[in-house]
PDB file of N, CA and C in Angstrom:
ATOM      1  N   THR A   1      49.091 -62.750  79.906  1.00  0.00           N
ATOM      2  CA  THR A   1      49.185 -64.184  80.116  1.00  0.00           C
ATOM      3  C   THR A   1      50.619 -64.633  79.836  1.00  0.00           C
ATOM      4  N   PRO A   2      51.014 -65.764  80.408  1.00  0.00           N
ATOM      5  CA  PRO A   2      52.371 -66.269  80.167  1.00  0.00           C
ATOM      6  C   PRO A   2      52.646 -66.539  78.690  1.00  0.00           C
ATOM      7  N   THR A   3      51.651 -67.039  77.968  1.00  0.00           N
ATOM      8  CA  THR A   3      51.833 -67.316  76.539  1.00  0.00           C
ATOM      9  C   THR A   3      52.092 -66.022  75.774  1.00  0.00           C
ATOM     10  N   ALA A   4      51.337 -64.994  76.095  1.00  0.00           N
ATOM     11  CA  ALA A   4      51.526 -63.696  75.433  1.00  0.00           C
ATOM     12  C   ALA A   4      52.901 -63.130  75.753  1.00  0.00           C
ATOM     13  N   LEU A   5      53.352 -63.296  76.998  1.00  0.00           N
ATOM     14  CA  LEU A   5      54.664 -62.810  77.394  1.00  0.00           C
ATOM     15  C   LEU A   5      55.765 -63.525  76.615  1.00  0.00           C
ATOM     16  N   VAL A   6      55.629 -64.826  76.457  1.00  0.00           N
ATOM     17  CA  VAL A   6      56.608 -65.599  75.686  1.00  0.00           C
ATOM     18  C   VAL A   6      56.658 -65.076  74.253  1.00  0.00           C
ATOM     19  N   GLN A   7      55.502 -64.802  73.652  1.00  0.00           N
ATOM     20  CA  GLN A   7      55.457 -64.296  72.277  1.00  0.00           C
ATOM     21  C   GLN A   7      56.095 -62.909  72.184  1.00  0.00           C
ATOM     22  N   ILE A   8      55.819 -62.068  73.158  1.00  0.00           N
ATOM     23  CA  ILE A   8      56.425 -60.730  73.183  1.00  0.00           C
ATOM     24  C   ILE A   8      57.943 -60.850  73.252  1.00  0.00           C
ATOM     25  N   MET A   9      58.435 -61.752  74.092  1.00  0.00           N
ATOM     26  CA  MET A   9      59.880 -61.943  74.230  1.00  0.00           C
ATOM     27  C   MET A   9      60.494 -62.461  72.929  1.00  0.00           C
ATOM     28  N   LYS A  10      59.774 -63.352  72.232  1.00  0.00           N
ATOM     29  CA  LYS A  10      60.270 -63.869  70.954  1.00  0.00           C
ATOM     30  C   LYS A  10      60.324 -62.764  69.900  1.00  0.00           C
ATOM     31  N   ASP A  11      59.344 -61.871  69.928  1.00  0.00           N
ATOM     32  CA  ASP A  11      59.254 -60.803  68.929  1.00  0.00           C
ATOM     33  C   ASP A  11      60.166 -59.618  69.237  1.00  0.00           C
ATOM     34  N   LEU A  12      60.678 -59.562  70.453  1.00  0.00           N
ATOM     35  CA  LEU A  12      61.491 -58.437  70.883  1.00  0.00           C
ATOM     36  C   LEU A  12      62.794 -58.382  70.099  1.00  0.00           C
ATOM     37  N   ARG A  13      63.085 -57.222  69.572  1.00  0.00           N
ATOM     38  CA  ARG A  13      64.338 -57.016  68.844  1.00  0.00           C
ATOM     39  C   ARG A  13      65.128 -55.936  69.581  1.00  0.00           C
ATOM     40  N   ILE A  14      66.268 -56.315  70.082  1.00  0.00           N
ATOM     41  CA  ILE A  14      67.134 -55.357  70.755  1.00  0.00           C
ATOM     42  C   ILE A  14      67.973 -54.678  69.677  1.00  0.00           C
ATOM     43  N   ARG A  15      67.881 -53.384  69.633  1.00  0.00           N
ATOM     44  CA  ARG A  15      68.629 -52.636  68.621  1.00  0.00           C
ATOM     45  C   ARG A  15      69.754 -51.857  69.297  1.00  0.00           C
ATOM     46  N   LYS A  16      70.866 -51.740  68.569  1.00  0.00           N
ATOM     47  CA  LYS A  16      72.011 -50.997  69.092  1.00  0.00           C
ATOM     48  C   LYS A  16      71.724 -49.502  68.997  1.00  0.00           C
ATOM     49  N   GLU A  17      72.390 -48.756  69.840  1.00  0.00           N
ATOM     50  CA  GLU A  17      72.276 -47.295  69.818  1.00  0.00           C
ATOM     51  C   GLU A  17      72.857 -46.741  68.521  1.00  0.00           C
ATOM     52  N   THR A  18      73.967 -47.334  68.075  1.00  0.00           N
ATOM     53  CA  THR A  18      74.633 -46.887  66.854  1.00  0.00           C
ATOM     54  C   THR A  18      75.476 -48.031  66.315  1.00  0.00           C
ATOM     55  N   ASP A  19      76.254 -47.751  65.276  1.00  0.00           N
ATOM     56  CA  ASP A  19      77.133 -48.755  64.689  1.00  0.00           C
ATOM     57  C   ASP A  19      78.510 -48.120  64.539  1.00  0.00           C
ATOM     58  N   PRO A  20      79.565 -48.815  64.925  1.00  0.00           N
ATOM     59  CA  PRO A  20      80.901 -48.223  64.863  1.00  0.00           C
ATOM     60  C   PRO A  20      81.475 -48.121  63.443  1.00  0.00           C
ATOM     61  N   GLU A  21      80.838 -48.737  62.474  1.00  0.00           N
ATOM     62  CA  GLU A  21      81.352 -48.745  61.103  1.00  0.00           C
ATOM     63  C   GLU A  21      81.404 -47.315  60.542  1.00  0.00           C
ATOM     64  N   ALA A  22      82.557 -46.935  60.023  1.00  0.00           N
ATOM     65  CA  ALA A  22      82.767 -45.568  59.525  1.00  0.00           C
ATOM     66  C   ALA A  22      81.819 -45.232  58.374  1.00  0.00           C
ATOM     67  N   GLU A  23      81.617 -46.162  57.461  1.00  0.00           N
ATOM     68  CA  GLU A  23      80.741 -45.902  56.310  1.00  0.00           C
ATOM     69  C   GLU A  23      79.310 -45.597  56.773  1.00  0.00           C
ATOM     70  N   PHE A  24      78.831 -46.370  57.728  1.00  0.00           N
ATOM     71  CA  PHE A  24      77.496 -46.125  58.284  1.00  0.00           C
ATOM     72  C   PHE A  24      77.416 -44.731  58.890  1.00  0.00           C
ATOM     73  N   ASN A  25      78.397 -44.393  59.716  1.00  0.00           N
ATOM     74  CA  ASN A  25      78.385 -43.099  60.401  1.00  0.00           C
ATOM     75  C   ASN A  25      78.499 -41.933  59.427  1.00  0.00           C
ATOM     76  N   ASN A  26      79.295 -42.090  58.373  1.00  0.00           N
ATOM     77  CA  ASN A  26      79.400 -41.040  57.359  1.00  0.00           C
ATOM     78  C   ASN A  26      78.083 -40.858  56.615  1.00  0.00           C
ATOM     79  N   GLU A  27      77.468 -41.961  56.222  1.00  0.00           N
ATOM     80  CA  GLU A  27      76.193 -41.872  55.510  1.00  0.00           C
ATOM     81  C   GLU A  27      75.111 -41.271  56.407  1.00  0.00           C
ATOM     82  N   LEU A  28      75.088 -41.691  57.667  1.00  0.00           N
ATOM     83  CA  LEU A  28      74.115 -41.151  58.615  1.00  0.00           C
ATOM     84  C   LEU A  28      74.327 -39.644  58.806  1.00  0.00           C
ATOM     85  N   ALA A  29      75.569 -39.217  58.934  1.00  0.00           N
ATOM     86  CA  ALA A  29      75.872 -37.789  59.098  1.00  0.00           C
ATOM     87  C   ALA A  29      75.435 -36.995  57.870  1.00  0.00           C
ATOM     88  N   ASN A  30      75.666 -37.545  56.682  1.00  0.00           N
ATOM     89  CA  ASN A  30      75.249 -36.867  55.449  1.00  0.00           C
ATOM     90  C   ASN A  30      73.732 -36.738  55.374  1.00  0.00           C
ATOM     91  N   LEU A  31      73.027 -37.798  55.706  1.00  0.00           N
ATOM     92  CA  LEU A  31      71.561 -37.755  55.675  1.00  0.00           C
ATOM     93  C   LEU A  31      71.021 -36.784  56.721  1.00  0.00           C
ATOM     94  N   ARG A  32      71.622 -36.773  57.885  1.00  0.00           N
ATOM     95  CA  ARG A  32      71.185 -35.841  58.936  1.00  0.00           C
ATOM     96  C   ARG A  32      71.449 -34.393  58.531  1.00  0.00           C
ATOM     97  N   ALA A  33      72.547 -34.160  57.831  1.00  0.00           N
ATOM     98  CA  ALA A  33      72.836 -32.804  57.344  1.00  0.00           C
ATOM     99  C   ALA A  33      71.764 -32.361  56.353  1.00  0.00           C
ATOM    100  N   LYS A  34      71.308 -33.286  55.512  1.00  0.00           N
ATOM    101  CA  LYS A  34      70.227 -32.967  54.569  1.00  0.00           C
ATOM    102  C   LYS A  34      68.937 -32.637  55.316  1.00  0.00           C
ATOM    103  N   ILE A  35      68.647 -33.410  56.358  1.00  0.00           N
ATOM    104  CA  ILE A  35      67.458 -33.137  57.184  1.00  0.00           C
ATOM    105  C   ILE A  35      67.567 -31.746  57.806  1.00  0.00           C
ATOM    106  N   ASP A  36      68.758 -31.396  58.299  1.00  0.00           N
ATOM    107  CA  ASP A  36      68.956 -30.076  58.913  1.00  0.00           C
ATOM    108  C   ASP A  36      68.679 -28.952  57.919  1.00  0.00           C
ATOM    109  N   VAL A  37      69.119 -29.120  56.680  1.00  0.00           N
ATOM    110  CA  VAL A  37      68.870 -28.113  55.640  1.00  0.00           C
ATOM    111  C   VAL A  37      67.373 -27.979  55.392  1.00  0.00           C
ATOM    112  N   VAL A  38      66.690 -29.106  55.250  1.00  0.00           N
ATOM    113  CA  VAL A  38      65.242 -29.078  55.018  1.00  0.00           C
ATOM    114  C   VAL A  38      64.523 -28.449  56.210  1.00  0.00           C
ATOM    115  N   ASP A  39      64.925 -28.804  57.425  1.00  0.00           N
ATOM    116  CA  ASP A  39      64.304 -28.218  58.621  1.00  0.00           C
ATOM    117  C   ASP A  39      64.461 -26.698  58.628  1.00  0.00           C
ATOM    118  N   ASN A  40      65.641 -26.214  58.261  1.00  0.00           N
ATOM    119  CA  ASN A  40      65.854 -24.766  58.200  1.00  0.00           C
ATOM    120  C   ASN A  40      64.972 -24.122  57.133  1.00  0.00           C
ATOM    121  N   GLN A  41      64.795 -24.809  56.005  1.00  0.00           N
ATOM    122  CA  GLN A  41      63.913 -24.295  54.953  1.00  0.00           C
ATOM    123  C   GLN A  41      62.465 -24.242  55.435  1.00  0.00           C
ATOM    124  N   ILE A  42      62.061 -25.245  56.195  1.00  0.00           N
ATOM    125  CA  ILE A  42      60.697 -25.259  56.744  1.00  0.00           C
ATOM    126  C   ILE A  42      60.490 -24.046  57.649  1.00  0.00           C
ATOM    127  N   ILE A  43      61.443 -23.778  58.533  1.00  0.00           N
ATOM    128  CA  ILE A  43      61.335 -22.631  59.438  1.00  0.00           C
ATOM    129  C   ILE A  43      61.293 -21.329  58.645  1.00  0.00           C
ATOM    130  N   GLU A  44      62.127 -21.223  57.629  1.00  0.00           N
ATOM    131  CA  GLU A  44      62.135 -20.027  56.775  1.00  0.00           C
ATOM    132  C   GLU A  44      60.774 -19.834  56.105  1.00  0.00           C
ATOM    133  N   LEU A  45      60.220 -20.903  55.563  1.00  0.00           N
ATOM    134  CA  LEU A  45      58.910 -20.820  54.909  1.00  0.00           C
ATOM    135  C   LEU A  45      57.800 -20.475  55.896  1.00  0.00           C
ATOM    136  N   LEU A  46      57.857 -21.048  57.079  1.00  0.00           N
ATOM    137  CA  LEU A  46      56.848 -20.718  58.087  1.00  0.00           C
ATOM    138  C   LEU A  46      56.933 -19.244  58.481  1.00  0.00           C
ATOM    139  N   GLY A  47      58.144 -18.724  58.575  1.00  0.00           N
ATOM    140  CA  GLY A  47      58.313 -17.302  58.863  1.00  0.00           C
ATOM    141  C   GLY A  47      57.702 -16.442  57.767  1.00  0.00           C
ATOM    142  N   LYS A  48      57.933 -16.828  56.516  1.00  0.00           N
ATOM    143  CA  LYS A  48      57.344 -16.092  55.385  1.00  0.00           C
ATOM    144  C   LYS A  48      55.825 -16.191  55.409  1.00  0.00           C
ATOM    145  N   ARG A  49      55.321 -17.367  55.754  1.00  0.00           N
ATOM    146  CA  ARG A  49      53.867 -17.542  55.817  1.00  0.00           C
ATOM    147  C   ARG A  49      53.269 -16.628  56.880  1.00  0.00           C
ATOM    148  N   MET A  50      53.938 -16.504  58.001  1.00  0.00           N
ATOM    149  CA  MET A  50      53.416 -15.645  59.063  1.00  0.00           C
ATOM    150  C   MET A  50      53.474 -14.172  58.666  1.00  0.00           C
ATOM    151  N   GLN A  51      54.449 -13.789  57.859  1.00  0.00           N
ATOM    152  CA  GLN A  51      54.481 -12.420  57.345  1.00  0.00           C
ATOM    153  C   GLN A  51      53.258 -12.153  56.465  1.00  0.00           C
ATOM    154  N   VAL A  52      52.897 -13.130  55.646  1.00  0.00           N
ATOM    155  CA  VAL A  52      51.695 -12.996  54.817  1.00  0.00           C
ATOM    156  C   VAL A  52      50.457 -12.937  55.712  1.00  0.00           C
ATOM    157  N   ALA A  53      50.416 -13.781  56.737  1.00  0.00           N
ATOM    158  CA  ALA A  53      49.288 -13.764  57.682  1.00  0.00           C
ATOM    159  C   ALA A  53      49.181 -12.401  58.363  1.00  0.00           C
ATOM    160  N   ASP A  54      50.325 -11.784  58.658  1.00  0.00           N
ATOM    161  CA  ASP A  54      50.310 -10.441  59.240  1.00  0.00           C
ATOM    162  C   ASP A  54      49.661  -9.449  58.279  1.00  0.00           C
ATOM    163  N   GLY A  55      49.994  -9.568  56.998  1.00  0.00           N
ATOM    164  CA  GLY A  55      49.380  -8.702  55.994  1.00  0.00           C
ATOM    165  C   GLY A  55      47.880  -8.908  55.916  1.00  0.00           C
ATOM    166  N   ILE A  56      47.464 -10.153  56.002  1.00  0.00           N
ATOM    167  CA  ILE A  56      46.028 -10.465  56.007  1.00  0.00           C
ATOM    168  C   ILE A  56      45.379  -9.854  57.245  1.00  0.00           C
ATOM    169  N   GLY A  57      46.053  -9.956  58.374  1.00  0.00           N
ATOM    170  CA  GLY A  57      45.534  -9.369  59.607  1.00  0.00           C
ATOM    171  C   GLY A  57      45.359  -7.862  59.491  1.00  0.00           C
ATOM    172  N   GLN A  58      46.322  -7.195  58.867  1.00  0.00           N
ATOM    173  CA  GLN A  58      46.216  -5.743  58.658  1.00  0.00           C
ATOM    174  C   GLN A  58      45.004  -5.409  57.795  1.00  0.00           C
ATOM    175  N   LEU A  59      44.832  -6.155  56.716  1.00  0.00           N
ATOM    176  CA  LEU A  59      43.703  -5.928  55.812  1.00  0.00           C
ATOM    177  C   LEU A  59      42.376  -6.177  56.518  1.00  0.00           C
ATOM    178  N   LYS A  60      42.299  -7.253  57.272  1.00  0.00           N
ATOM    179  CA  LYS A  60      41.068  -7.559  58.008  1.00  0.00           C
ATOM    180  C   LYS A  60      40.772  -6.486  59.053  1.00  0.00           C
ATOM    181  N   LYS A  61      41.818  -5.974  59.677  1.00  0.00           N
ATOM    182  CA  LYS A  61      41.627  -4.906  60.667  1.00  0.00           C
ATOM    183  C   LYS A  61      41.050  -3.661  59.999  1.00  0.00           C
ATOM    184  N   GLN A  62      41.610  -3.294  58.844  1.00  0.00           N
ATOM    185  CA  GLN A  62      41.134  -2.108  58.118  1.00  0.00           C
ATOM    186  C   GLN A  62      39.667  -2.230  57.725  1.00  0.00           C
ATOM    187  N   LYS A  63      39.254  -3.430  57.362  1.00  0.00           N
ATOM    188  CA  LYS A  63      37.895  -3.643  56.859  1.00  0.00           C
ATOM    189  C   LYS A  63      36.955  -4.238  57.903  1.00  0.00           C
ATOM    190  N   ASN A  64      37.449  -4.369  59.142  1.00  0.00           N
ATOM    191  CA  ASN A  64      36.640  -4.909  60.239  1.00  0.00           C
ATOM    192  C   ASN A  64      36.075  -6.296  59.904  1.00  0.00           C
ATOM    193  N   VAL A  65      36.942  -7.163  59.413  1.00  0.00           N
ATOM    194  CA  VAL A  65      36.568  -8.526  59.027  1.00  0.00           C
ATOM    195  C   VAL A  65      37.082  -9.489  60.093  1.00  0.00           C
ATOM    196  N   ALA A  66      36.299 -10.511  60.392  1.00  0.00           N
ATOM    197  CA  ALA A  66      36.668 -11.512  61.403  1.00  0.00           C
ATOM    198  C   ALA A  66      37.937 -12.261  60.997  1.00  0.00           C
ATOM    199  N   VAL A  67      38.730 -12.609  61.996  1.00  0.00           N
ATOM    200  CA  VAL A  67      39.966 -13.354  61.743  1.00  0.00           C
ATOM    201  C   VAL A  67      39.653 -14.723  61.157  1.00  0.00           C
ATOM    202  N   LEU A  68      38.788 -15.472  61.809  1.00  0.00           N
ATOM    203  CA  LEU A  68      38.502 -16.840  61.364  1.00  0.00           C
ATOM    204  C   LEU A  68      37.535 -16.828  60.190  1.00  0.00           C
ATOM    205  N   GLN A  69      37.960 -17.447  59.113  1.00  0.00           N
ATOM    206  CA  GLN A  69      37.148 -17.605  57.911  1.00  0.00           C
ATOM    207  C   GLN A  69      36.959 -19.113  57.707  1.00  0.00           C
ATOM    208  N   SER A  70      35.910 -19.666  58.289  1.00  0.00           N
ATOM    209  CA  SER A  70      35.711 -21.121  58.343  1.00  0.00           C
ATOM    210  C   SER A  70      35.678 -21.771  56.969  1.00  0.00           C
ATOM    211  N   LYS A  71      35.013 -21.150  56.015  1.00  0.00           N
ATOM    212  CA  LYS A  71      34.926 -21.734  54.670  1.00  0.00           C
ATOM    213  C   LYS A  71      36.319 -21.874  54.062  1.00  0.00           C
ATOM    214  N   ARG A  72      37.099 -20.820  54.141  1.00  0.00           N
ATOM    215  CA  ARG A  72      38.467 -20.836  53.608  1.00  0.00           C
ATOM    216  C   ARG A  72      39.307 -21.890  54.338  1.00  0.00           C
ATOM    217  N   TRP A  73      39.190 -21.954  55.652  1.00  0.00           N
ATOM    218  CA  TRP A  73      39.950 -22.912  56.442  1.00  0.00           C
ATOM    219  C   TRP A  73      39.630 -24.341  56.021  1.00  0.00           C
ATOM    220  N   ASN A  74      38.361 -24.651  55.851  1.00  0.00           N
ATOM    221  CA  ASN A  74      37.962 -26.002  55.442  1.00  0.00           C
ATOM    222  C   ASN A  74      38.475 -26.338  54.046  1.00  0.00           C
ATOM    223  N   GLU A  75      38.466 -25.357  53.146  1.00  0.00           N
ATOM    224  CA  GLU A  75      39.003 -25.576  51.796  1.00  0.00           C
ATOM    225  C   GLU A  75      40.494 -25.889  51.850  1.00  0.00           C
ATOM    226  N   ILE A  76      41.222 -25.101  52.618  1.00  0.00           N
ATOM    227  CA  ILE A  76      42.671 -25.309  52.748  1.00  0.00           C
ATOM    228  C   ILE A  76      42.962 -26.684  53.330  1.00  0.00           C
ATOM    229  N   LEU A  77      42.271 -27.023  54.398  1.00  0.00           N
ATOM    230  CA  LEU A  77      42.521 -28.288  55.080  1.00  0.00           C
ATOM    231  C   LEU A  77      42.274 -29.471  54.149  1.00  0.00           C
ATOM    232  N   GLY A  78      41.158 -29.450  53.434  1.00  0.00           N
ATOM    233  CA  GLY A  78      40.866 -30.532  52.497  1.00  0.00           C
ATOM    234  C   GLY A  78      41.918 -30.652  51.413  1.00  0.00           C
ATOM    235  N   LYS A  79      42.319 -29.516  50.869  1.00  0.00           N
ATOM    236  CA  LYS A  79      43.338 -29.503  49.818  1.00  0.00           C
ATOM    237  C   LYS A  79      44.671 -30.034  50.336  1.00  0.00           C
ATOM    238  N   MET A  80      45.065 -29.604  51.528  1.00  0.00           N
ATOM    239  CA  MET A  80      46.349 -30.025  52.082  1.00  0.00           C
ATOM    240  C   MET A  80      46.367 -31.509  52.435  1.00  0.00           C
ATOM    241  N   VAL A  81      45.245 -32.029  52.907  1.00  0.00           N
ATOM    242  CA  VAL A  81      45.168 -33.465  53.199  1.00  0.00           C
ATOM    243  C   VAL A  81      45.391 -34.254  51.912  1.00  0.00           C
ATOM    244  N   LEU A  82      44.736 -33.853  50.833  1.00  0.00           N
ATOM    245  CA  LEU A  82      44.908 -34.552  49.553  1.00  0.00           C
ATOM    246  C   LEU A  82      46.345 -34.454  49.060  1.00  0.00           C
ATOM    247  N   GLU A  83      46.910 -33.263  49.101  1.00  0.00           N
ATOM    248  CA  GLU A  83      48.291 -33.092  48.644  1.00  0.00           C
ATOM    249  C   GLU A  83      49.267 -33.867  49.525  1.00  0.00           C
ATOM    250  N   GLY A  84      49.023 -33.852  50.820  1.00  0.00           N
ATOM    251  CA  GLY A  84      49.885 -34.593  51.734  1.00  0.00           C
ATOM    252  C   GLY A  84      49.842 -36.087  51.486  1.00  0.00           C
ATOM    253  N   GLU A  85      48.640 -36.604  51.272  1.00  0.00           N
ATOM    254  CA  GLU A  85      48.499 -38.038  51.010  1.00  0.00           C
ATOM    255  C   GLU A  85      49.214 -38.429  49.726  1.00  0.00           C
ATOM    256  N   GLN A  86      49.211 -37.549  48.731  1.00  0.00           N
ATOM    257  CA  GLN A  86      49.930 -37.824  47.483  1.00  0.00           C
ATOM    258  C   GLN A  86      51.436 -37.876  47.704  1.00  0.00           C
ATOM    259  N   LYS A  87      51.896 -37.240  48.773  1.00  0.00           N
ATOM    260  CA  LYS A  87      53.326 -37.244  49.106  1.00  0.00           C
ATOM    261  C   LYS A  87      53.668 -38.302  50.149  1.00  0.00           C
ATOM    262  N   GLY A  88      52.696 -39.158  50.478  1.00  0.00           N
ATOM    263  CA  GLY A  88      52.950 -40.231  51.429  1.00  0.00           C
ATOM    264  C   GLY A  88      52.807 -39.826  52.886  1.00  0.00           C
ATOM    265  N   LEU A  89      52.137 -38.703  53.143  1.00  0.00           N
ATOM    266  CA  LEU A  89      51.941 -38.230  54.515  1.00  0.00           C
ATOM    267  C   LEU A  89      50.551 -38.612  54.990  1.00  0.00           C
ATOM    268  N   SER A  90      50.447 -39.001  56.238  1.00  0.00           N
ATOM    269  CA  SER A  90      49.154 -39.435  56.764  1.00  0.00           C
ATOM    270  C   SER A  90      48.219 -38.245  56.962  1.00  0.00           C
ATOM    271  N   GLU A  91      46.931 -38.521  56.882  1.00  0.00           N
ATOM    272  CA  GLU A  91      45.927 -37.488  57.123  1.00  0.00           C
ATOM    273  C   GLU A  91      46.084 -36.923  58.534  1.00  0.00           C
ATOM    274  N   GLU A  92      46.335 -37.798  59.494  1.00  0.00           N
ATOM    275  CA  GLU A  92      46.494 -37.362  60.883  1.00  0.00           C
ATOM    276  C   GLU A  92      47.628 -36.343  61.016  1.00  0.00           C
ATOM    277  N   PHE A  93      48.748 -36.625  60.367  1.00  0.00           N
ATOM    278  CA  PHE A  93      49.889 -35.715  60.422  1.00  0.00           C
ATOM    279  C   PHE A  93      49.555 -34.371  59.790  1.00  0.00           C
ATOM    280  N   ILE A  94      48.958 -34.401  58.610  1.00  0.00           N
ATOM    281  CA  ILE A  94      48.610 -33.159  57.911  1.00  0.00           C
ATOM    282  C   ILE A  94      47.637 -32.328  58.742  1.00  0.00           C
ATOM    283  N   LEU A  95      46.639 -32.984  59.324  1.00  0.00           N
ATOM    284  CA  LEU A  95      45.671 -32.258  60.149  1.00  0.00           C
ATOM    285  C   LEU A  95      46.355 -31.584  61.336  1.00  0.00           C
ATOM    286  N   LYS A  96      47.227 -32.317  62.029  1.00  0.00           N
ATOM    287  CA  LYS A  96      47.932 -31.738  63.180  1.00  0.00           C
ATOM    288  C   LYS A  96      48.826 -30.577  62.750  1.00  0.00           C
ATOM    289  N   LEU A  97      49.551 -30.782  61.665  1.00  0.00           N
ATOM    290  CA  LEU A  97      50.475 -29.765  61.179  1.00  0.00           C
ATOM    291  C   LEU A  97      49.737 -28.487  60.798  1.00  0.00           C
ATOM    292  N   PHE A  98      48.699 -28.627  59.986  1.00  0.00           N
ATOM    293  CA  PHE A  98      48.014 -27.431  59.509  1.00  0.00           C
ATOM    294  C   PHE A  98      47.137 -26.787  60.573  1.00  0.00           C
ATOM    295  N   LYS A  99      46.667 -27.554  61.522  1.00  0.00           N
ATOM    296  CA  LYS A  99      45.955 -26.933  62.644  1.00  0.00           C
ATOM    297  C   LYS A  99      46.916 -26.063  63.449  1.00  0.00           C
ATOM    298  N   ALA A 100      48.137 -26.540  63.642  1.00  0.00           N
ATOM    299  CA  ALA A 100      49.136 -25.752  64.372  1.00  0.00           C
ATOM    300  C   ALA A 100      49.522 -24.497  63.587  1.00  0.00           C
ATOM    301  N   ILE A 101      49.737 -24.644  62.291  1.00  0.00           N
ATOM    302  CA  ILE A 101      50.078 -23.494  61.448  1.00  0.00           C
ATOM    303  C   ILE A 101      48.931 -22.492  61.445  1.00  0.00           C
ATOM    304  N   HIS A 102      47.710 -22.988  61.295  1.00  0.00           N
ATOM    305  CA  HIS A 102      46.534 -22.123  61.259  1.00  0.00           C
ATOM    306  C   HIS A 102      46.368 -21.380  62.581  1.00  0.00           C
ATOM    307  N   GLN A 103      46.578 -22.069  63.682  1.00  0.00           N
ATOM    308  CA  GLN A 103      46.450 -21.420  64.986  1.00  0.00           C
ATOM    309  C   GLN A 103      47.482 -20.311  65.144  1.00  0.00           C
ATOM    310  N   GLU A 104      48.693 -20.554  64.687  1.00  0.00           N
ATOM    311  CA  GLU A 104      49.725 -19.515  64.762  1.00  0.00           C
ATOM    312  C   GLU A 104      49.344 -18.319  63.890  1.00  0.00           C
ATOM    313  N   SER A 105      48.769 -18.577  62.723  1.00  0.00           N
ATOM    314  CA  SER A 105      48.293 -17.489  61.858  1.00  0.00           C
ATOM    315  C   SER A 105      47.195 -16.686  62.547  1.00  0.00           C
ATOM    316  N   ILE A 106      46.272 -17.390  63.178  1.00  0.00           N
ATOM    317  CA  ILE A 106      45.196 -16.718  63.922  1.00  0.00           C
ATOM    318  C   ILE A 106      45.792 -15.857  65.034  1.00  0.00           C
ATOM    319  N   ASN A 107      46.762 -16.409  65.763  1.00  0.00           N
ATOM    320  CA  ASN A 107      47.407 -15.653  66.841  1.00  0.00           C
ATOM    321  C   ASN A 107      48.037 -14.364  66.312  1.00  0.00           C
ATOM    322  N   HIS A 108      48.723 -14.469  65.173  1.00  0.00           N
ATOM    323  CA  HIS A 108      49.338 -13.289  64.561  1.00  0.00           C
ATOM    324  C   HIS A 108      48.275 -12.255  64.200  1.00  0.00           C
ATOM    325  N   GLN A 109      47.214 -12.719  63.545  1.00  0.00           N
ATOM    326  CA  GLN A 109      46.172 -11.796  63.096  1.00  0.00           C
ATOM    327  C   GLN A 109      45.436 -11.158  64.276  1.00  0.00           C
ATOM    328  N   GLU A 110      45.153 -11.939  65.302  1.00  0.00           N
ATOM    329  CA  GLU A 110      44.457 -11.389  66.473  1.00  0.00           C
ATOM    330  C   GLU A 110      45.306 -10.326  67.170  1.00  0.00           C
ATOM    331  N   LYS A 111      46.598 -10.563  67.223  1.00  0.00           N
ATOM    332  CA  LYS A 111      47.503  -9.577  67.828  1.00  0.00           C
ATOM    333  C   LYS A 111      47.439  -8.262  67.051  1.00  0.00           C
ATOM    334  N   ILE A 112      47.409  -8.353  65.738  1.00  0.00           N
ATOM    335  CA  ILE A 112      47.334  -7.157  64.892  1.00  0.00           C
ATOM    336  C   ILE A 112      45.994  -6.455  65.077  1.00  0.00           C
ATOM    337  N   ILE A 113      44.922  -7.210  65.067  1.00  0.00           N
ATOM    338  CA  ILE A 113      43.585  -6.619  65.186  1.00  0.00           C
ATOM    339  C   ILE A 113      43.403  -5.936  66.543  1.00  0.00           C
ATOM    340  N   LYS A 114      43.986  -6.498  67.587  1.00  0.00           N
ATOM    341  CA  LYS A 114      43.854  -5.921  68.932  1.00  0.00           C
ATOM    342  C   LYS A 114      44.783  -4.729  69.160  1.00  0.00           C
ATOM    343  N   SER A 115      45.729  -4.530  68.262  1.00  0.00           N
ATOM    344  CA  SER A 115      46.692  -3.426  68.459  1.00  0.00           C
ATOM    345  C   SER A 115      46.136  -2.097  67.985  1.00  0.00           C
TER     346      SER A 115
END
């Protein structure tokens, strides 16, 4: 409706792509460098986690145990949601993140079991 459009236009905030101020750019660069370090640590930790998952896959292969352990998965997911929420992370984010991590672990283990 025209009234809604007028309200949308009033609420619209045009933001600049960046700011030419040197102090802003220096602070932004420093914060981004910190993010880059954390991102690299995340990748390193995920790599280590997959190495552990590979070990689990080897053990499961030796003992003819199924890759998916639903009870364990549900315990982990519940625990991680609680821990994530305590750190200010949404349940939706934690669920997506750990589902992706879990799927990658399953992929690693299935590859080992099929080899």
